Amino acid sequence: MRDPRAACRFEALAVALKAKTGSIEAHDLARLAMHQKALGKAEALYAAIDRFHAVCERQRRDADALYRAGCELHRAVERDSWPRGAARVDLHG
């Protein structure tokens, strides 16, 4: 079975790289929004995707703004990929 969280990360990374290179298209944003639904609204990656969408709506033609937004989304994907702290019985009871 495919992990929807991982699929969202991969899609966000692809869109971030396209934004950084200036080759982002509307269907990329639509696909990212579809994958975003797999996340909870309280999660940091969800919020980063929302901020990215807002920049794309407001500054669609500003290559520098899209580059910065792509960098921010890329960092959010990296942070979301960090290992979660596993509960250890010997340490946490």
N, C-alpha and C. Protein backbone atom coordinates (compact mmCIF):
# COMPACT_ATOMS: atom_id res chain seq x y z
N MET A 1 0.84 -1.19 0.00
CA MET A 1 0.00 0.00 0.00
C MET A 1 0.89 1.25 0.00
N ARG A 2 0.47 2.22 -0.70
CA ARG A 2 1.23 3.46 -0.84
C ARG A 2 0.97 4.39 0.35
N ASP A 3 2.03 5.02 0.83
CA ASP A 3 1.93 5.93 1.96
C ASP A 3 1.50 7.31 1.45
N PRO A 4 0.31 7.80 1.82
CA PRO A 4 -0.15 9.10 1.30
C PRO A 4 0.72 10.26 1.78
N ARG A 5 1.32 10.15 2.96
CA ARG A 5 2.20 11.20 3.46
C ARG A 5 3.46 11.30 2.59
N ALA A 6 4.02 10.16 2.25
CA ALA A 6 5.21 10.15 1.39
C ALA A 6 4.87 10.69 0.00
N ALA A 7 3.70 10.31 -0.52
CA ALA A 7 3.28 10.82 -1.83
C ALA A 7 3.15 12.35 -1.80
N CYS A 8 2.62 12.87 -0.71
CA CYS A 8 2.49 14.33 -0.56
C CYS A 8 3.86 14.98 -0.51
N ARG A 9 4.79 14.37 0.22
CA ARG A 9 6.16 14.92 0.28
C ARG A 9 6.80 14.96 -1.09
N PHE A 10 6.69 13.85 -1.84
CA PHE A 10 7.29 13.81 -3.17
C PHE A 10 6.67 14.84 -4.09
N GLU A 11 5.36 14.99 -4.03
CA GLU A 11 4.68 15.98 -4.87
C GLU A 11 5.11 17.39 -4.49
N ALA A 12 5.19 17.67 -3.18
CA ALA A 12 5.61 18.99 -2.71
C ALA A 12 7.05 19.28 -3.13
N LEU A 13 7.91 18.27 -3.06
CA LEU A 13 9.29 18.45 -3.48
C LEU A 13 9.37 18.75 -4.98
N ALA A 14 8.60 18.01 -5.77
CA ALA A 14 8.59 18.24 -7.23
C ALA A 14 8.11 19.65 -7.55
N VAL A 15 7.06 20.10 -6.89
CA VAL A 15 6.52 21.44 -7.13
C VAL A 15 7.51 22.50 -6.67
N ALA A 16 8.16 22.28 -5.53
CA ALA A 16 9.16 23.23 -5.04
C ALA A 16 10.30 23.39 -6.03
N LEU A 17 10.77 22.28 -6.57
CA LEU A 17 11.86 22.35 -7.55
C LEU A 17 11.42 23.04 -8.83
N LYS A 18 10.18 22.80 -9.26
CA LYS A 18 9.66 23.49 -10.44
C LYS A 18 9.54 24.98 -10.20
N ALA A 19 9.13 25.36 -8.99
CA ALA A 19 9.02 26.79 -8.66
C ALA A 19 10.41 27.43 -8.66
N LYS A 20 11.39 26.72 -8.15
CA LYS A 20 12.74 27.26 -8.10
C LYS A 20 13.34 27.44 -9.49
N THR A 21 12.91 26.60 -10.44
CA THR A 21 13.42 26.71 -11.81
C THR A 21 12.51 27.53 -12.72
N GLY A 22 11.38 27.97 -12.20
CA GLY A 22 10.47 28.81 -12.98
C GLY A 22 9.62 28.04 -13.97
N SER A 23 9.44 26.76 -13.76
CA SER A 23 8.66 25.96 -14.72
C SER A 23 7.38 25.40 -14.12
N ILE A 24 6.84 26.06 -13.10
CA ILE A 24 5.62 25.58 -12.45
C ILE A 24 4.39 25.92 -13.29
N GLU A 25 3.43 25.00 -13.31
CA GLU A 25 2.20 25.19 -14.07
C GLU A 25 0.99 24.96 -13.17
N ALA A 26 -0.16 25.36 -13.63
CA ALA A 26 -1.39 25.28 -12.82
C ALA A 26 -1.71 23.84 -12.43
N HIS A 27 -1.50 22.89 -13.31
CA HIS A 27 -1.83 21.50 -12.98
C HIS A 27 -0.92 20.97 -11.87
N ASP A 28 0.30 21.52 -11.74
CA ASP A 28 1.18 21.12 -10.64
C ASP A 28 0.57 21.53 -9.30
N LEU A 29 0.04 22.74 -9.25
CA LEU A 29 -0.58 23.24 -8.02
C LEU A 29 -1.83 22.45 -7.68
N ALA A 30 -2.60 22.08 -8.68
CA ALA A 30 -3.82 21.30 -8.45
C ALA A 30 -3.48 19.92 -7.90
N ARG A 31 -2.45 19.30 -8.44
CA ARG A 31 -2.03 17.98 -7.97
C ARG A 31 -1.50 18.06 -6.54
N LEU A 32 -0.76 19.13 -6.23
CA LEU A 32 -0.26 19.32 -4.87
C LEU A 32 -1.41 19.50 -3.88
N ALA A 33 -2.42 20.27 -4.27
CA ALA A 33 -3.59 20.47 -3.41
C ALA A 33 -4.31 19.15 -3.16
N MET A 34 -4.36 18.29 -4.15
CA MET A 34 -4.99 16.99 -3.98
C MET A 34 -4.23 16.14 -2.96
N HIS A 35 -2.91 16.15 -3.05
CA HIS A 35 -2.08 15.38 -2.12
C HIS A 35 -2.09 15.99 -0.72
N GLN A 36 -2.27 17.28 -0.63
CA GLN A 36 -2.28 17.97 0.66
C GLN A 36 -3.41 17.47 1.55
N LYS A 37 -4.48 17.00 0.95
CA LYS A 37 -5.64 16.51 1.72
C LYS A 37 -5.29 15.32 2.59
N ALA A 38 -4.18 14.63 2.30
CA ALA A 38 -3.77 13.48 3.10
C ALA A 38 -3.19 13.89 4.44
N LEU A 39 -2.86 15.17 4.59
CA LEU A 39 -2.25 15.67 5.82
C LEU A 39 -3.31 16.28 6.73
N GLY A 40 -3.00 16.35 8.00
CA GLY A 40 -3.86 17.04 8.95
C GLY A 40 -3.61 18.54 8.87
N LYS A 41 -4.65 19.32 9.11
CA LYS A 41 -4.51 20.78 8.99
C LYS A 41 -3.57 21.38 10.01
N ALA A 42 -3.30 20.68 11.10
CA ALA A 42 -2.41 21.20 12.15
C ALA A 42 -0.94 20.90 11.86
N GLU A 43 -0.65 20.21 10.79
CA GLU A 43 0.73 19.82 10.50
C GLU A 43 1.50 20.93 9.80
N ALA A 44 2.79 20.97 10.06
CA ALA A 44 3.65 22.03 9.52
C ALA A 44 3.73 21.98 7.99
N LEU A 45 3.78 20.79 7.41
CA LEU A 45 3.85 20.69 5.95
C LEU A 45 2.57 21.20 5.30
N TYR A 46 1.43 20.93 5.92
CA TYR A 46 0.15 21.45 5.42
C TYR A 46 0.19 22.98 5.38
N ALA A 47 0.68 23.59 6.45
CA ALA A 47 0.76 25.05 6.52
C ALA A 47 1.74 25.59 5.49
N ALA A 48 2.85 24.90 5.28
CA ALA A 48 3.83 25.34 4.28
C ALA A 48 3.25 25.29 2.87
N ILE A 49 2.46 24.27 2.59
CA ILE A 49 1.82 24.15 1.27
C ILE A 49 0.80 25.28 1.11
N ASP A 50 0.05 25.58 2.17
CA ASP A 50 -0.90 26.71 2.11
C ASP A 50 -0.17 28.02 1.81
N ARG A 51 0.95 28.27 2.49
CA ARG A 51 1.72 29.50 2.24
C ARG A 51 2.24 29.54 0.81
N PHE A 52 2.67 28.39 0.30
CA PHE A 52 3.16 28.31 -1.06
C PHE A 52 2.05 28.64 -2.06
N HIS A 53 0.86 28.07 -1.83
CA HIS A 53 -0.28 28.37 -2.71
C HIS A 53 -0.61 29.87 -2.67
N ALA A 54 -0.54 30.48 -1.50
CA ALA A 54 -0.85 31.91 -1.39
C ALA A 54 0.13 32.75 -2.19
N VAL A 55 1.41 32.41 -2.13
CA VAL A 55 2.40 33.15 -2.91
C VAL A 55 2.14 32.96 -4.40
N CYS A 56 1.82 31.74 -4.80
CA CYS A 56 1.55 31.48 -6.22
C CYS A 56 0.34 32.26 -6.72
N GLU A 57 -0.66 32.41 -5.89
CA GLU A 57 -1.84 33.17 -6.30
C GLU A 57 -1.55 34.67 -6.40
N ARG A 58 -0.80 35.19 -5.42
CA ARG A 58 -0.54 36.64 -5.38
C ARG A 58 0.57 37.07 -6.34
N GLN A 59 1.61 36.26 -6.46
CA GLN A 59 2.79 36.69 -7.19
C GLN A 59 3.18 35.68 -8.26
N ARG A 60 2.23 35.27 -9.00
CA ARG A 60 2.41 34.24 -10.02
C ARG A 60 3.49 34.59 -11.05
N ARG A 61 3.65 35.87 -11.34
CA ARG A 61 4.60 36.27 -12.38
C ARG A 61 5.94 36.75 -11.83
N ASP A 62 6.10 36.75 -10.53
CA ASP A 62 7.34 37.20 -9.90
C ASP A 62 8.25 35.99 -9.68
N ALA A 63 9.25 35.85 -10.54
CA ALA A 63 10.14 34.69 -10.49
C ALA A 63 10.91 34.62 -9.17
N ASP A 64 11.32 35.76 -8.64
CA ASP A 64 12.06 35.76 -7.37
C ASP A 64 11.18 35.29 -6.21
N ALA A 65 9.94 35.75 -6.18
CA ALA A 65 9.02 35.33 -5.11
C ALA A 65 8.73 33.83 -5.21
N LEU A 66 8.55 33.33 -6.44
CA LEU A 66 8.32 31.90 -6.61
C LEU A 66 9.55 31.09 -6.21
N TYR A 67 10.72 31.61 -6.51
CA TYR A 67 11.96 30.92 -6.11
C TYR A 67 12.04 30.83 -4.59
N ARG A 68 11.80 31.95 -3.91
CA ARG A 68 11.85 31.95 -2.44
C ARG A 68 10.79 31.02 -1.85
N ALA A 69 9.59 31.04 -2.42
CA ALA A 69 8.52 30.16 -1.94
C ALA A 69 8.89 28.69 -2.18
N GLY A 70 9.52 28.41 -3.31
CA GLY A 70 9.99 27.06 -3.60
C GLY A 70 11.05 26.60 -2.61
N CYS A 71 11.94 27.51 -2.24
CA CYS A 71 12.97 27.19 -1.24
C CYS A 71 12.33 26.90 0.11
N GLU A 72 11.34 27.69 0.48
CA GLU A 72 10.66 27.48 1.76
C GLU A 72 9.91 26.14 1.78
N LEU A 73 9.24 25.83 0.68
CA LEU A 73 8.53 24.55 0.60
C LEU A 73 9.51 23.38 0.63
N HIS A 74 10.63 23.53 -0.04
CA HIS A 74 11.67 22.50 -0.05
C HIS A 74 12.16 22.23 1.38
N ARG A 75 12.42 23.30 2.14
CA ARG A 75 12.86 23.14 3.53
C ARG A 75 11.78 22.48 4.38
N ALA A 76 10.51 22.81 4.12
CA ALA A 76 9.41 22.20 4.87
C ALA A 76 9.34 20.69 4.60
N VAL A 77 9.58 20.29 3.36
CA VAL A 77 9.59 18.86 3.03
C VAL A 77 10.75 18.17 3.74
N GLU A 78 11.90 18.83 3.76
CA GLU A 78 13.05 18.25 4.46
C GLU A 78 12.73 18.06 5.95
N ARG A 79 12.17 19.09 6.57
CA ARG A 79 11.84 19.00 8.00
C ARG A 79 10.81 17.90 8.26
N ASP A 80 9.84 17.77 7.37
CA ASP A 80 8.82 16.74 7.54
C ASP A 80 9.39 15.34 7.37
N SER A 81 10.51 15.23 6.69
CA SER A 81 11.13 13.93 6.45
C SER A 81 12.04 13.48 7.58
N TRP A 82 12.33 14.37 8.52
CA TRP A 82 13.17 13.98 9.65
C TRP A 82 12.49 12.85 10.41
N PRO A 83 13.27 11.94 10.97
CA PRO A 83 12.65 10.84 11.73
C PRO A 83 11.90 11.35 12.95
N ARG A 84 10.79 10.75 13.20
CA ARG A 84 9.99 11.09 14.37
C ARG A 84 10.63 10.43 15.59
N GLY A 85 10.51 11.06 16.72
CA GLY A 85 11.03 10.46 17.94
C GLY A 85 10.21 9.25 18.31
N ALA A 86 10.83 8.11 18.32
CA ALA A 86 10.13 6.88 18.66
C ALA A 86 10.05 6.75 20.18
N ALA A 87 8.90 6.39 20.65
CA ALA A 87 8.73 6.20 22.09
C ALA A 87 9.49 4.94 22.50
N ARG A 88 10.40 5.12 23.43
CA ARG A 88 11.18 3.99 23.92
C ARG A 88 10.72 3.63 25.32
N VAL A 89 10.37 2.39 25.47
CA VAL A 89 9.86 1.92 26.75
C VAL A 89 10.92 2.07 27.84
N ASP A 90 12.18 1.83 27.50
CA ASP A 90 13.22 1.89 28.51
C ASP A 90 13.49 3.34 28.99
N LEU A 91 13.11 4.33 28.18
CA LEU A 91 13.32 5.72 28.56
C LEU A 91 12.05 6.42 29.01
N HIS A 92 10.96 6.11 28.37
CA HIS A 92 9.71 6.85 28.59
C HIS A 92 8.65 6.06 29.37
N GLY A 93 8.98 4.88 29.78
CA GLY A 93 8.04 4.09 30.60
C GLY A 93 7.04 3.37 29.87
